[in-house]
N, C-alpha and C. Protein backbone atom coordinates (compact mmCIF):
# COMPACT_ATOMS: atom_id res chain seq x y z
N UNK A 1 -94.44 -60.45 92.51
CA UNK A 1 -93.25 -60.04 91.81
C UNK A 1 -93.17 -60.87 90.52
N UNK A 2 -92.96 -60.23 89.37
CA UNK A 2 -92.92 -61.00 88.14
C UNK A 2 -91.58 -61.68 87.95
N UNK A 3 -91.57 -62.70 87.08
CA UNK A 3 -90.37 -63.53 86.88
C UNK A 3 -89.18 -62.72 86.36
N UNK A 4 -89.42 -61.79 85.47
CA UNK A 4 -88.34 -60.99 84.92
C UNK A 4 -87.64 -60.19 86.04
N UNK A 5 -88.43 -59.58 86.90
CA UNK A 5 -87.88 -58.82 88.02
C UNK A 5 -87.12 -59.75 88.97
N UNK A 6 -87.69 -60.94 89.23
CA UNK A 6 -87.01 -61.89 90.11
C UNK A 6 -85.64 -62.24 89.55
N UNK A 7 -85.56 -62.49 88.25
CA UNK A 7 -84.27 -62.84 87.63
C UNK A 7 -83.30 -61.67 87.70
N UNK A 8 -83.79 -60.46 87.52
CA UNK A 8 -82.92 -59.29 87.66
C UNK A 8 -82.38 -59.18 89.08
N UNK A 9 -83.24 -59.43 90.05
CA UNK A 9 -82.81 -59.34 91.44
C UNK A 9 -81.81 -60.44 91.78
N UNK A 10 -82.05 -61.64 91.28
CA UNK A 10 -81.10 -62.73 91.50
C UNK A 10 -79.76 -62.38 90.87
N UNK A 11 -79.80 -61.80 89.67
CA UNK A 11 -78.56 -61.38 89.01
C UNK A 11 -77.80 -60.36 89.85
N UNK A 12 -78.53 -59.44 90.45
CA UNK A 12 -77.90 -58.46 91.32
C UNK A 12 -77.24 -59.12 92.52
N UNK A 13 -77.91 -60.11 93.09
CA UNK A 13 -77.34 -60.83 94.23
C UNK A 13 -76.06 -61.54 93.83
N UNK A 14 -76.07 -62.14 92.65
CA UNK A 14 -74.88 -62.85 92.18
C UNK A 14 -73.73 -61.88 91.91
N UNK A 15 -74.04 -60.72 91.35
CA UNK A 15 -73.00 -59.72 91.13
C UNK A 15 -72.38 -59.29 92.45
N UNK A 16 -73.22 -59.07 93.44
CA UNK A 16 -72.72 -58.65 94.74
C UNK A 16 -71.90 -59.75 95.39
N UNK A 17 -72.40 -60.97 95.32
CA UNK A 17 -71.76 -62.08 96.02
C UNK A 17 -70.41 -62.44 95.42
N UNK A 18 -70.29 -62.38 94.11
CA UNK A 18 -69.04 -62.61 93.41
C UNK A 18 -68.18 -63.71 93.98
N UNK A 19 -67.04 -63.30 94.49
CA UNK A 19 -66.06 -64.25 95.00
C UNK A 19 -66.57 -65.02 96.21
N UNK A 20 -67.44 -64.40 96.99
CA UNK A 20 -67.95 -65.08 98.19
C UNK A 20 -68.69 -66.35 97.82
N UNK A 21 -69.44 -66.32 96.71
CA UNK A 21 -70.18 -67.51 96.30
C UNK A 21 -69.26 -68.64 95.87
N UNK A 22 -68.04 -68.30 95.48
CA UNK A 22 -67.10 -69.32 95.05
C UNK A 22 -66.52 -70.09 96.24
N UNK A 23 -66.66 -69.56 97.43
CA UNK A 23 -66.13 -70.23 98.61
C UNK A 23 -67.08 -71.34 99.03
N UNK A 24 -66.58 -72.56 99.17
CA UNK A 24 -67.44 -73.67 99.57
C UNK A 24 -68.11 -73.39 100.91
N UNK A 25 -69.40 -73.63 100.96
CA UNK A 25 -70.14 -73.50 102.22
C UNK A 25 -70.54 -72.08 102.60
N UNK A 26 -70.18 -71.07 101.81
CA UNK A 26 -70.55 -69.70 102.16
C UNK A 26 -72.00 -69.45 101.78
N UNK A 27 -72.78 -68.93 102.71
CA UNK A 27 -74.19 -68.64 102.50
C UNK A 27 -74.40 -67.15 102.75
N UNK A 28 -74.49 -66.38 101.67
CA UNK A 28 -74.62 -64.93 101.78
C UNK A 28 -75.87 -64.54 102.55
N UNK A 29 -76.99 -65.26 102.34
CA UNK A 29 -78.22 -64.94 103.06
C UNK A 29 -78.08 -65.14 104.56
N UNK A 30 -77.45 -66.24 104.95
CA UNK A 30 -77.22 -66.50 106.37
C UNK A 30 -76.28 -65.46 106.95
N UNK A 31 -75.26 -65.09 106.19
CA UNK A 31 -74.35 -64.04 106.64
C UNK A 31 -75.11 -62.74 106.89
N UNK A 32 -75.98 -62.37 105.94
CA UNK A 32 -76.78 -61.15 106.10
C UNK A 32 -77.66 -61.25 107.34
N UNK A 33 -78.32 -62.40 107.49
CA UNK A 33 -79.21 -62.58 108.63
C UNK A 33 -78.42 -62.47 109.94
N UNK A 34 -77.32 -63.21 110.03
CA UNK A 34 -76.53 -63.21 111.27
C UNK A 34 -76.00 -61.82 111.60
N UNK A 35 -75.62 -61.06 110.58
CA UNK A 35 -75.02 -59.75 110.85
C UNK A 35 -76.04 -58.63 111.03
N UNK A 36 -77.23 -58.77 110.47
CA UNK A 36 -78.21 -57.67 110.53
C UNK A 36 -79.47 -57.99 111.34
N UNK A 37 -79.84 -59.25 111.47
CA UNK A 37 -81.16 -59.59 112.01
C UNK A 37 -81.13 -60.37 113.33
N UNK A 38 -80.13 -61.21 113.50
CA UNK A 38 -80.12 -62.15 114.62
C UNK A 38 -80.10 -61.47 115.99
N UNK A 39 -79.54 -60.29 116.09
CA UNK A 39 -79.48 -59.63 117.39
C UNK A 39 -80.89 -59.35 117.94
N UNK A 40 -81.84 -59.12 117.06
CA UNK A 40 -83.23 -58.89 117.50
C UNK A 40 -84.08 -60.15 117.34
N UNK A 41 -84.00 -60.78 116.17
CA UNK A 41 -84.89 -61.91 115.86
C UNK A 41 -84.34 -63.25 116.32
N UNK A 42 -83.14 -63.29 116.86
CA UNK A 42 -82.54 -64.53 117.36
C UNK A 42 -81.89 -65.34 116.25
N UNK A 43 -80.97 -66.21 116.63
CA UNK A 43 -80.24 -67.00 115.64
C UNK A 43 -81.15 -67.96 114.88
N UNK A 44 -82.25 -68.36 115.50
CA UNK A 44 -83.16 -69.28 114.82
C UNK A 44 -84.36 -68.56 114.18
N UNK A 45 -84.42 -67.23 114.29
CA UNK A 45 -85.47 -66.45 113.64
C UNK A 45 -86.78 -66.37 114.39
N UNK A 46 -86.84 -66.89 115.61
CA UNK A 46 -88.10 -66.95 116.33
C UNK A 46 -88.39 -65.73 117.20
N UNK A 47 -87.53 -64.70 117.12
CA UNK A 47 -87.82 -63.44 117.80
C UNK A 47 -87.22 -63.29 119.17
N UNK A 48 -86.27 -64.16 119.53
CA UNK A 48 -85.70 -64.10 120.88
C UNK A 48 -84.21 -63.78 120.86
N UNK A 49 -83.84 -62.70 120.18
CA UNK A 49 -82.45 -62.28 120.14
C UNK A 49 -82.06 -61.57 121.42
N UNK A 50 -80.78 -61.35 121.63
CA UNK A 50 -80.31 -60.72 122.87
C UNK A 50 -80.78 -59.28 123.07
N UNK A 51 -81.19 -58.61 122.01
CA UNK A 51 -81.65 -57.22 122.11
C UNK A 51 -83.13 -57.15 122.48
N UNK A 52 -83.85 -58.24 122.35
CA UNK A 52 -85.30 -58.27 122.58
C UNK A 52 -85.75 -57.56 123.86
N UNK A 53 -85.11 -57.81 125.01
CA UNK A 53 -85.59 -57.17 126.25
C UNK A 53 -85.55 -55.64 126.22
N UNK A 54 -84.78 -55.07 125.32
CA UNK A 54 -84.61 -53.62 125.28
C UNK A 54 -85.50 -52.94 124.25
N UNK A 55 -86.31 -53.72 123.55
CA UNK A 55 -87.18 -53.17 122.51
C UNK A 55 -88.59 -52.98 123.05
N UNK A 56 -89.24 -51.90 122.65
CA UNK A 56 -90.61 -51.66 123.11
C UNK A 56 -91.59 -52.59 122.41
N UNK A 57 -91.29 -53.02 121.20
CA UNK A 57 -92.12 -53.99 120.48
C UNK A 57 -91.24 -55.20 120.19
N UNK A 58 -91.69 -56.37 120.63
CA UNK A 58 -90.88 -57.57 120.43
C UNK A 58 -90.79 -57.94 118.96
N UNK A 59 -89.61 -58.38 118.52
CA UNK A 59 -89.45 -58.79 117.12
C UNK A 59 -90.35 -59.98 116.80
N UNK A 60 -90.80 -60.01 115.56
CA UNK A 60 -91.69 -61.10 115.16
C UNK A 60 -90.92 -62.39 114.92
N UNK A 61 -91.65 -63.48 114.94
CA UNK A 61 -91.12 -64.80 114.63
C UNK A 61 -91.03 -64.90 113.11
N UNK A 62 -89.84 -64.86 112.58
CA UNK A 62 -89.66 -64.87 111.13
C UNK A 62 -89.82 -66.26 110.52
N UNK A 63 -89.91 -67.28 111.37
CA UNK A 63 -90.07 -68.65 110.85
C UNK A 63 -91.53 -68.95 110.51
N UNK A 64 -92.44 -68.05 110.86
CA UNK A 64 -93.87 -68.30 110.60
C UNK A 64 -94.45 -67.32 109.58
N UNK A 65 -93.60 -66.62 108.85
CA UNK A 65 -94.09 -65.65 107.85
C UNK A 65 -94.99 -66.33 106.82
N UNK A 66 -94.57 -67.46 106.29
CA UNK A 66 -95.38 -68.15 105.29
C UNK A 66 -96.69 -68.64 105.89
N UNK A 67 -96.63 -69.23 107.06
CA UNK A 67 -97.84 -69.74 107.72
C UNK A 67 -98.85 -68.62 107.93
N UNK A 68 -98.36 -67.45 108.33
CA UNK A 68 -99.24 -66.30 108.57
C UNK A 68 -99.72 -65.66 107.28
N UNK A 69 -99.22 -66.14 106.15
CA UNK A 69 -99.60 -65.59 104.85
C UNK A 69 -100.23 -66.67 103.98
N UNK A 70 -101.00 -67.54 104.59
CA UNK A 70 -101.71 -68.58 103.84
C UNK A 70 -100.81 -69.62 103.22
N UNK A 71 -99.61 -69.82 103.76
CA UNK A 71 -98.71 -70.86 103.27
C UNK A 71 -97.68 -70.38 102.24
N UNK A 72 -97.77 -69.13 101.82
CA UNK A 72 -96.83 -68.59 100.83
C UNK A 72 -95.92 -67.56 101.50
N UNK A 73 -94.63 -67.64 101.23
CA UNK A 73 -93.70 -66.67 101.77
C UNK A 73 -93.99 -65.31 101.15
N UNK A 74 -94.27 -64.28 101.95
CA UNK A 74 -94.66 -62.96 101.43
C UNK A 74 -93.45 -62.12 100.99
N UNK A 75 -92.84 -62.50 99.89
CA UNK A 75 -91.59 -61.88 99.43
C UNK A 75 -91.68 -60.36 99.34
N UNK A 76 -92.74 -59.86 98.73
CA UNK A 76 -92.82 -58.41 98.53
C UNK A 76 -92.95 -57.67 99.86
N UNK A 77 -93.78 -58.16 100.76
CA UNK A 77 -93.94 -57.52 102.06
C UNK A 77 -92.63 -57.55 102.84
N UNK A 78 -91.95 -58.70 102.82
CA UNK A 78 -90.68 -58.82 103.54
C UNK A 78 -89.65 -57.89 102.91
N UNK A 79 -89.63 -57.84 101.57
CA UNK A 79 -88.70 -56.94 100.87
C UNK A 79 -88.91 -55.50 101.34
N UNK A 80 -90.17 -55.04 101.30
CA UNK A 80 -90.47 -53.67 101.69
C UNK A 80 -90.12 -53.39 103.14
N UNK A 81 -90.33 -54.37 104.00
CA UNK A 81 -90.04 -54.21 105.41
C UNK A 81 -88.54 -54.12 105.65
N UNK A 82 -87.78 -55.02 105.02
CA UNK A 82 -86.33 -55.01 105.18
C UNK A 82 -85.74 -53.75 104.57
N UNK A 83 -86.13 -53.44 103.33
CA UNK A 83 -85.59 -52.26 102.66
C UNK A 83 -85.92 -51.01 103.46
N UNK A 84 -87.19 -50.88 103.87
CA UNK A 84 -87.59 -49.81 104.78
C UNK A 84 -87.71 -48.43 104.20
N UNK A 85 -87.36 -48.25 102.94
CA UNK A 85 -87.42 -46.91 102.36
C UNK A 85 -88.82 -46.56 101.90
N UNK A 86 -89.71 -47.56 101.85
CA UNK A 86 -91.12 -47.35 101.57
C UNK A 86 -91.86 -47.77 102.82
N UNK A 87 -92.68 -46.91 103.36
CA UNK A 87 -93.38 -47.24 104.59
C UNK A 87 -94.41 -48.33 104.36
N UNK A 88 -94.41 -49.32 105.24
CA UNK A 88 -95.36 -50.43 105.18
C UNK A 88 -96.28 -50.27 106.37
N UNK A 89 -97.54 -49.93 106.10
CA UNK A 89 -98.50 -49.69 107.18
C UNK A 89 -98.67 -50.84 108.13
N UNK A 90 -98.68 -52.06 107.62
CA UNK A 90 -98.91 -53.23 108.46
C UNK A 90 -97.76 -53.48 109.43
N UNK A 91 -96.60 -52.91 109.14
CA UNK A 91 -95.45 -53.14 110.00
C UNK A 91 -95.58 -52.39 111.33
N UNK A 92 -96.43 -51.40 111.37
CA UNK A 92 -96.60 -50.61 112.59
C UNK A 92 -95.47 -49.61 112.75
N UNK A 93 -95.26 -49.16 113.98
CA UNK A 93 -94.17 -48.22 114.19
C UNK A 93 -92.85 -48.94 113.93
N UNK A 94 -91.90 -48.21 113.42
CA UNK A 94 -90.67 -48.82 112.95
C UNK A 94 -89.55 -48.68 113.96
N UNK A 95 -89.22 -49.78 114.63
CA UNK A 95 -88.01 -49.83 115.45
C UNK A 95 -86.89 -50.46 114.64
N UNK A 96 -87.26 -51.25 113.65
CA UNK A 96 -86.29 -51.95 112.83
C UNK A 96 -85.51 -50.96 111.98
N UNK A 97 -84.20 -51.15 111.86
CA UNK A 97 -83.42 -50.24 111.00
C UNK A 97 -83.89 -50.27 109.55
N UNK A 98 -83.63 -49.20 108.85
CA UNK A 98 -83.96 -49.10 107.43
C UNK A 98 -82.74 -49.63 106.68
N UNK A 99 -82.75 -50.94 106.40
CA UNK A 99 -81.56 -51.57 105.81
C UNK A 99 -81.30 -51.10 104.39
N UNK A 100 -82.32 -50.73 103.64
CA UNK A 100 -82.09 -50.23 102.28
C UNK A 100 -81.19 -49.02 102.28
N UNK A 101 -81.44 -48.09 103.18
CA UNK A 101 -80.59 -46.89 103.29
C UNK A 101 -79.19 -47.26 103.77
N UNK A 102 -79.12 -48.17 104.72
CA UNK A 102 -77.82 -48.61 105.25
C UNK A 102 -76.99 -49.28 104.15
N UNK A 103 -77.60 -50.18 103.39
CA UNK A 103 -76.89 -50.86 102.30
C UNK A 103 -76.45 -49.86 101.23
N UNK A 104 -77.32 -48.90 100.94
CA UNK A 104 -76.97 -47.88 99.93
C UNK A 104 -75.76 -47.07 100.39
N UNK A 105 -75.73 -46.70 101.66
CA UNK A 105 -74.58 -45.95 102.18
C UNK A 105 -73.31 -46.79 102.12
N UNK A 106 -73.42 -48.09 102.41
CA UNK A 106 -72.26 -48.98 102.29
C UNK A 106 -71.74 -48.97 100.85
N UNK A 107 -72.65 -49.05 99.90
CA UNK A 107 -72.25 -49.06 98.49
C UNK A 107 -71.56 -47.77 98.12
N UNK A 108 -72.08 -46.66 98.57
CA UNK A 108 -71.49 -45.36 98.25
C UNK A 108 -70.12 -45.20 98.91
N UNK A 109 -69.99 -45.68 100.14
CA UNK A 109 -68.68 -45.63 100.82
C UNK A 109 -67.67 -46.50 100.08
N UNK A 110 -68.10 -47.68 99.62
CA UNK A 110 -67.21 -48.57 98.90
C UNK A 110 -66.79 -47.97 97.57
N UNK A 111 -67.65 -47.18 96.96
CA UNK A 111 -67.34 -46.56 95.68
C UNK A 111 -66.28 -45.48 95.82
N UNK A 112 -66.20 -44.87 96.98
CA UNK A 112 -65.20 -43.83 97.19
C UNK A 112 -65.56 -42.54 96.48
N UNK A 113 -64.67 -41.56 96.53
CA UNK A 113 -64.97 -40.25 95.95
C UNK A 113 -65.18 -40.28 94.44
N UNK A 114 -64.50 -41.18 93.74
CA UNK A 114 -64.66 -41.24 92.29
C UNK A 114 -65.93 -41.97 91.88
N UNK A 115 -66.46 -42.79 92.78
CA UNK A 115 -67.69 -43.53 92.47
C UNK A 115 -67.50 -44.60 91.42
N UNK A 116 -66.28 -45.08 91.24
CA UNK A 116 -66.00 -46.05 90.18
C UNK A 116 -66.34 -47.49 90.59
N UNK A 117 -66.16 -47.83 91.85
CA UNK A 117 -66.30 -49.23 92.26
C UNK A 117 -67.72 -49.74 92.10
N UNK A 118 -68.71 -48.96 92.46
CA UNK A 118 -70.10 -49.38 92.38
C UNK A 118 -70.91 -48.29 91.69
N UNK A 119 -71.00 -48.39 90.37
CA UNK A 119 -71.72 -47.37 89.61
C UNK A 119 -73.22 -47.45 89.85
N UNK A 120 -73.70 -48.60 90.29
CA UNK A 120 -75.13 -48.79 90.53
C UNK A 120 -75.36 -49.26 91.96
N UNK A 121 -75.36 -48.36 92.94
CA UNK A 121 -75.52 -48.78 94.32
C UNK A 121 -76.82 -49.53 94.59
N UNK A 122 -77.86 -49.30 93.79
CA UNK A 122 -79.12 -50.02 94.01
C UNK A 122 -78.97 -51.51 93.73
N UNK A 123 -78.08 -51.88 92.83
CA UNK A 123 -77.84 -53.31 92.60
C UNK A 123 -77.22 -53.95 93.83
N UNK A 124 -76.38 -53.22 94.49
CA UNK A 124 -75.77 -53.69 95.74
C UNK A 124 -76.87 -53.90 96.79
N UNK A 125 -77.75 -52.92 96.93
CA UNK A 125 -78.86 -53.02 97.88
C UNK A 125 -79.71 -54.24 97.56
N UNK A 126 -80.09 -54.37 96.31
CA UNK A 126 -80.95 -55.49 95.89
C UNK A 126 -80.28 -56.84 96.12
N UNK A 127 -79.00 -56.92 95.82
CA UNK A 127 -78.29 -58.18 96.02
C UNK A 127 -78.30 -58.62 97.46
N UNK A 128 -78.09 -57.68 98.35
CA UNK A 128 -78.08 -58.00 99.78
C UNK A 128 -79.47 -58.44 100.25
N UNK A 129 -80.51 -57.73 99.81
CA UNK A 129 -81.87 -58.06 100.24
C UNK A 129 -82.33 -59.38 99.63
N UNK A 130 -82.01 -59.64 98.38
CA UNK A 130 -82.39 -60.91 97.74
C UNK A 130 -81.78 -62.08 98.50
N UNK A 131 -80.51 -61.97 98.86
CA UNK A 131 -79.85 -63.04 99.60
C UNK A 131 -80.54 -63.27 100.94
N UNK A 132 -80.88 -62.18 101.62
CA UNK A 132 -81.56 -62.29 102.91
C UNK A 132 -82.93 -62.93 102.76
N UNK A 133 -83.70 -62.50 101.76
CA UNK A 133 -85.02 -63.09 101.54
C UNK A 133 -84.93 -64.58 101.24
N UNK A 134 -83.93 -64.97 100.47
CA UNK A 134 -83.74 -66.39 100.19
C UNK A 134 -83.52 -67.16 101.49
N UNK A 135 -82.69 -66.63 102.35
CA UNK A 135 -82.43 -67.29 103.64
C UNK A 135 -83.69 -67.34 104.49
N UNK A 136 -84.42 -66.24 104.57
CA UNK A 136 -85.65 -66.23 105.37
C UNK A 136 -86.68 -67.22 104.83
N UNK A 137 -86.76 -67.35 103.53
CA UNK A 137 -87.69 -68.33 102.94
C UNK A 137 -87.29 -69.74 103.36
N UNK A 138 -86.00 -69.99 103.48
CA UNK A 138 -85.53 -71.32 103.90
C UNK A 138 -85.75 -71.56 105.39
N UNK A 139 -85.93 -70.52 106.18
CA UNK A 139 -86.17 -70.65 107.62
C UNK A 139 -87.61 -71.01 107.97
N UNK A 140 -88.50 -70.96 106.99
CA UNK A 140 -89.92 -71.13 107.28
C UNK A 140 -90.23 -72.49 107.88
N UNK A 141 -91.06 -72.48 108.92
CA UNK A 141 -91.49 -73.72 109.59
C UNK A 141 -92.29 -74.55 108.62
N UNK A 142 -92.07 -75.82 108.66
CA UNK A 142 -92.78 -76.76 107.77
C UNK A 142 -94.09 -77.19 108.36
């Protein structure tokens, strides 16, 4: 991912976070993880969430993504997997929700019939995913 795109994505995250970032101790990425990922991947990201026994494919250990990628956090692969609107062959069959579509629907619902609140729903999607990726990068085992 080039630097210009990264800065645009960070800007989108900041636009989305707005007032939440002003609250001391609020971590948008952790909030995203806890609300969207922890039920399957567990609170610590190691793949042992409460839903695990009911899944045909066990969730992966998200704390070892960098280790499994030669020491570098695979931002683009994780982005594509989380967003889910582009099929990622390496991910295998998809039990994981397509969060990109879910976030986009949230943005459109928030905009209401006039569509005034969020003129660019993709910025909303990007902001949520950027925050989540930042949190996942911080979860990586040392």
